[in-house]
Amino acid sequence: MAFTTSFAASPLPVLDSVSDGQSPQLLMHSATLQIDSYDPEHSDRSVESTAAGDTESECLESPRDIYPLMGRVLSLSCSPDGCRQVQDALGKVVSDKERELLVNEFHGHAITAMRCPHANHVLQKCISVMPPASLQFMIDEMLQHQGLAKKVATHRYGTRIVQQLLKKCEASQLSGLAEALLQDAIALSCHGFGCFAIQHLLQFGTAEQQYRCVRTLEQNMGSIARSPCGVGVVAAAMKRACNEDKVWIARALLQDPKLLPSMAQMRYGEEVVPQVLSALVGKERVQAFRSLADASSELLSARYGRKVHAYLQVRMSGDMSANSFSISC
């Protein structure tokens, strides 16, 4: 017996035109989005079962089981309860083909969904359970307009999608997105949300992309290392870069005598300082110690600076015993 059905898709709230270079606006919910810190380690919202007896045997086993959601995926994804329902369906269906039937409704609406406080979790679920090839539409839509990738990466919800795509997708898929991020690497590094995209690029990008990112940091250290968010990017670079690149980053921090002490007083400074001192040798290491020693009073007055000061006190007893200066308390 032939089975036919028709649905009227409920569209997501639309973005203002971006062709004139203006920032896209999400026309939904009257609540003002407040900027807050974002921890990429806890970006995914897990879907809890709504029934204690749920088992693997309850997975959706045929396309007919997802018919009740067809045509309503977009509208459901924009609500707290509906987005969990869609995520639950994505996790239970038994084939990628069935998942694609659901996700197909996001094609052409991915940017808006990335910026939605609820739908962005559905996209994250898609990234976690679907093969990279099925996620290409998200990347393509971010590259439709110049500067749009940056706007998504600096959005409190959109940045989560950028990070997850950088982690999941193949290098061949990400070349355009990575290039867009690299073009705005300085601004992104100093942004509260954009910095996480650069950190992910340093971790998951190709060797060539990582190299270009490190060079950008090195050549613009004066501005990036003075930003609390930028210090986090420098810390990621010192953690991921090869030894030779670590030396160049450390030397860039010595160009301004006040730069290393300033960075040492900020969050992640306590991670960067030991790596900088380890990367440098001889007179350059002595120079780094001296710059920090001259700022000991400032270090002691700052929360993170006190941790750096305590570390230096330990290092001084071994590394600098032959020198005539010490850090005064």
Foldseek 3Di string as FASTA:
>chain_A
DDDDDDAAADAAADWDDCPVPDQTDQPDDPDDDDDDFDDLVPLADDQDDPDPPDDLVPADEDLVVCVVCQSYLNVLQLDQNSLSVLLVNCVRHDDLVSVLSSCVSCQVPLLSLQQRPRSLNSLLSCLVRHAQVSNLSNVVVCPPDQPSLVSLQLHPRSVSNLLSNLVHHDQVSCVSSLVSCLVCVQVLQQGSRSVSNLLSCCVRNDPVSVVSSLVVCLVPVVPLLLHLSSLVSVLSNLVRPDLVSLQSNLVSQLPDLQRLLNSQLHPNSLSSLVSSLVSDDDPSNVSNLVSNLVCLVVLVVGPSSVSNNVVQQVVCVPPVPVDDDDRDD
